N, C-alpha and C. Protein backbone atom coordinates (compact mmCIF):
# COMPACT_ATOMS: atom_id res chain seq x y z
N LYS A 1 1.00 -1.68 -0.16
CA LYS A 1 -0.08 -0.22 0.25
C LYS A 1 0.73 1.20 -0.08
N LEU A 2 2.05 1.20 0.72
CA LEU A 2 2.93 2.26 0.51
C LEU A 2 3.36 2.77 -0.93
N SER A 3 3.92 1.82 -1.46
CA SER A 3 3.81 2.11 -3.02
C SER A 3 3.03 2.88 -3.71
N GLU A 4 1.88 2.77 -3.34
CA GLU A 4 0.71 3.20 -3.98
C GLU A 4 0.24 4.55 -3.57
N VAL A 5 0.52 4.79 -2.26
CA VAL A 5 0.31 5.93 -1.40
C VAL A 5 1.75 7.28 -1.99
N ALA A 6 2.79 6.64 -2.22
CA ALA A 6 3.78 7.18 -2.74
C ALA A 6 3.78 7.96 -4.09
N GLU A 7 3.26 6.77 -4.96
CA GLU A 7 3.18 7.26 -6.20
C GLU A 7 2.00 8.40 -6.51
N LEU A 8 0.95 8.13 -5.81
CA LEU A 8 -0.14 9.05 -5.86
C LEU A 8 0.23 10.40 -5.32
N SER A 9 1.02 10.44 -4.18
CA SER A 9 1.09 11.76 -3.41
C SER A 9 1.96 12.28 -4.54
N THR A 10 2.89 11.69 -5.12
CA THR A 10 4.17 12.68 -5.83
C THR A 10 3.38 13.00 -7.22
N ASN A 11 2.52 12.13 -7.60
CA ASN A 11 1.61 12.55 -9.00
C ASN A 11 0.75 13.88 -8.90
N GLU A 12 0.14 13.82 -7.69
CA GLU A 12 -0.63 14.82 -6.94
C GLU A 12 0.40 16.15 -7.14
N ALA A 13 1.16 15.75 -6.27
CA ALA A 13 2.00 16.97 -6.11
C ALA A 13 2.51 17.74 -7.19
N ILE A 14 3.03 16.88 -8.15
CA ILE A 14 3.46 17.42 -9.84
C ILE A 14 2.30 18.03 -10.40
N GLN A 15 0.97 17.70 -10.10
CA GLN A 15 0.12 18.20 -10.84
C GLN A 15 -0.21 19.64 -10.34
N MET A 16 -0.08 19.61 -9.00
CA MET A 16 -0.38 20.76 -8.32
C MET A 16 0.42 22.23 -8.62
N HIS A 17 1.65 21.78 -8.65
CA HIS A 17 2.69 22.50 -8.58
C HIS A 17 3.30 22.69 -10.21
N GLY A 18 2.88 22.17 -11.16
CA GLY A 18 3.00 22.08 -12.57
C GLY A 18 4.21 21.68 -12.85
N GLY A 19 4.87 22.25 -13.54
CA GLY A 19 6.35 21.61 -14.50
C GLY A 19 7.48 22.22 -13.10
N ILE A 20 7.21 23.17 -12.27
CA ILE A 20 7.72 23.35 -11.29
C ILE A 20 8.45 22.39 -10.44
N GLY A 21 7.29 21.40 -10.45
CA GLY A 21 7.55 20.21 -9.25
C GLY A 21 9.02 19.51 -10.01
N MET A 22 9.01 19.57 -11.20
CA MET A 22 10.09 18.49 -11.66
C MET A 22 11.18 19.09 -11.82
N THR A 23 11.61 20.14 -11.10
CA THR A 23 12.69 20.85 -11.04
C THR A 23 13.72 20.72 -10.22
N ASP A 24 15.12 20.85 -10.09
CA ASP A 24 15.80 20.28 -8.90
C ASP A 24 16.16 21.20 -7.77
N GLU A 25 15.25 22.43 -7.98
CA GLU A 25 15.21 23.49 -7.14
C GLU A 25 14.15 23.03 -5.84
N TYR A 26 13.37 22.33 -5.92
CA TYR A 26 12.08 21.88 -5.17
C TYR A 26 12.11 20.48 -4.65
N ASP A 27 11.93 20.07 -3.86
CA ASP A 27 12.18 18.84 -3.22
C ASP A 27 10.90 17.78 -3.68
N ILE A 28 10.14 18.22 -4.63
CA ILE A 28 8.83 17.64 -5.08
C ILE A 28 9.71 16.80 -6.05
N GLY A 29 10.58 16.92 -7.10
CA GLY A 29 11.36 16.23 -7.84
C GLY A 29 12.22 15.20 -7.71
N PHE A 30 12.65 15.39 -6.36
CA PHE A 30 13.31 14.47 -5.19
C PHE A 30 12.45 13.39 -5.09
N PHE A 31 11.39 13.89 -4.70
CA PHE A 31 10.44 12.36 -3.83
C PHE A 31 10.19 11.33 -5.08
N ILE A 32 9.87 11.90 -6.05
CA ILE A 32 9.04 11.34 -7.51
C ILE A 32 10.36 10.41 -7.95
N LYS A 33 11.63 11.20 -8.20
CA LYS A 33 12.61 10.67 -8.58
C LYS A 33 12.77 9.09 -7.70
N ARG A 34 12.65 8.91 -6.79
CA ARG A 34 12.85 8.09 -5.66
C ARG A 34 11.74 7.09 -5.50
N ALA A 35 10.53 7.69 -5.37
CA ALA A 35 9.07 6.66 -5.55
C ALA A 35 9.15 5.72 -6.42
N ARG A 36 9.39 5.81 -7.64
CA ARG A 36 9.26 5.26 -9.03
C ARG A 36 10.15 3.90 -8.69
N PRO A 37 11.63 4.28 -8.96
CA PRO A 37 12.48 3.19 -8.55
C PRO A 37 12.31 2.29 -7.37
N ALA A 38 11.84 2.76 -6.29
CA ALA A 38 11.74 2.10 -5.09
C ALA A 38 10.71 0.93 -5.44
N GLN A 39 9.66 1.43 -6.06
CA GLN A 39 8.52 0.18 -6.53
C GLN A 39 9.33 -1.08 -7.43
N THR A 40 9.95 -0.52 -8.17
CA THR A 40 11.01 -1.55 -8.89
C THR A 40 11.53 -2.54 -8.23
N LEU A 41 12.53 -1.87 -7.22
CA LEU A 41 13.46 -2.50 -6.16
C LEU A 41 13.00 -3.30 -5.31
N PHE A 42 11.92 -2.55 -4.45
CA PHE A 42 11.15 -3.21 -3.48
C PHE A 42 9.85 -4.25 -3.77
N GLY A 43 9.48 -3.94 -4.81
CA GLY A 43 8.15 -4.51 -5.44
C GLY A 43 7.24 -3.66 -4.94
N ASP A 44 6.18 -3.63 -5.78
CA ASP A 44 4.82 -3.00 -5.63
C ASP A 44 3.79 -3.55 -5.03
N ASN A 45 2.54 -3.00 -4.79
CA ASN A 45 1.64 -3.52 -4.01
C ASN A 45 1.03 -4.83 -4.30
N SER A 46 0.87 -4.92 -5.70
CA SER A 46 0.38 -6.60 -6.30
C SER A 46 1.79 -7.22 -5.89
N TYR A 47 2.80 -7.08 -5.87
CA TYR A 47 3.96 -8.17 -5.35
C TYR A 47 3.63 -8.87 -4.16
N HIS A 48 3.46 -7.50 -3.28
CA HIS A 48 3.64 -7.99 -1.95
C HIS A 48 2.23 -8.68 -1.19
N THR A 49 1.16 -8.32 -2.10
CA THR A 49 0.08 -9.14 -1.96
C THR A 49 0.05 -10.46 -2.25
N ASP A 50 0.39 -10.84 -3.56
CA ASP A 50 0.70 -12.08 -4.05
C ASP A 50 1.69 -12.99 -3.04
N ARG A 51 2.75 -12.34 -2.85
CA ARG A 51 3.89 -12.72 -2.01
C ARG A 51 3.22 -13.28 -0.71
N PHE A 52 2.23 -12.50 0.21
CA PHE A 52 1.79 -12.72 1.05
C PHE A 52 0.70 -13.96 1.11
N ALA A 53 0.00 -13.64 -0.12
CA ALA A 53 -1.16 -14.77 -0.31
C ALA A 53 -0.15 -16.20 -0.09
N LEU A 54 0.77 -16.38 -1.23
CA LEU A 54 1.64 -17.31 -1.36
C LEU A 54 2.37 -17.96 -0.03
N LEU A 55 2.68 -17.12 1.00
CA LEU A 55 2.97 -17.41 2.17
C LEU A 55 2.16 -17.88 3.13
N SER A 56 0.81 -17.19 3.26
CA SER A 56 -0.25 -18.00 3.89
C SER A 56 -0.78 -18.93 3.46
N GLY A 57 -0.50 -19.48 2.52
CA GLY A 57 -1.33 -20.83 1.82
C GLY A 57 -2.19 -20.61 0.88
N TYR A 58 -2.42 -19.47 0.42
CA TYR A 58 -3.81 -19.07 -0.67
C TYR A 58 -3.39 -19.55 -2.08
């Protein structure tokens, strides 16, 4: 769930701030640049849901 919230909040921040959100002058760009690769590196919500179900015997 955390990966979905991180992606949603960073995408909404970009929409609210427009193009200025992607500049290196503001922290919004920093967070979106880290949120998307973190999903690939650590797994997204569906990966963890499937893994939990597998380990629980479903």
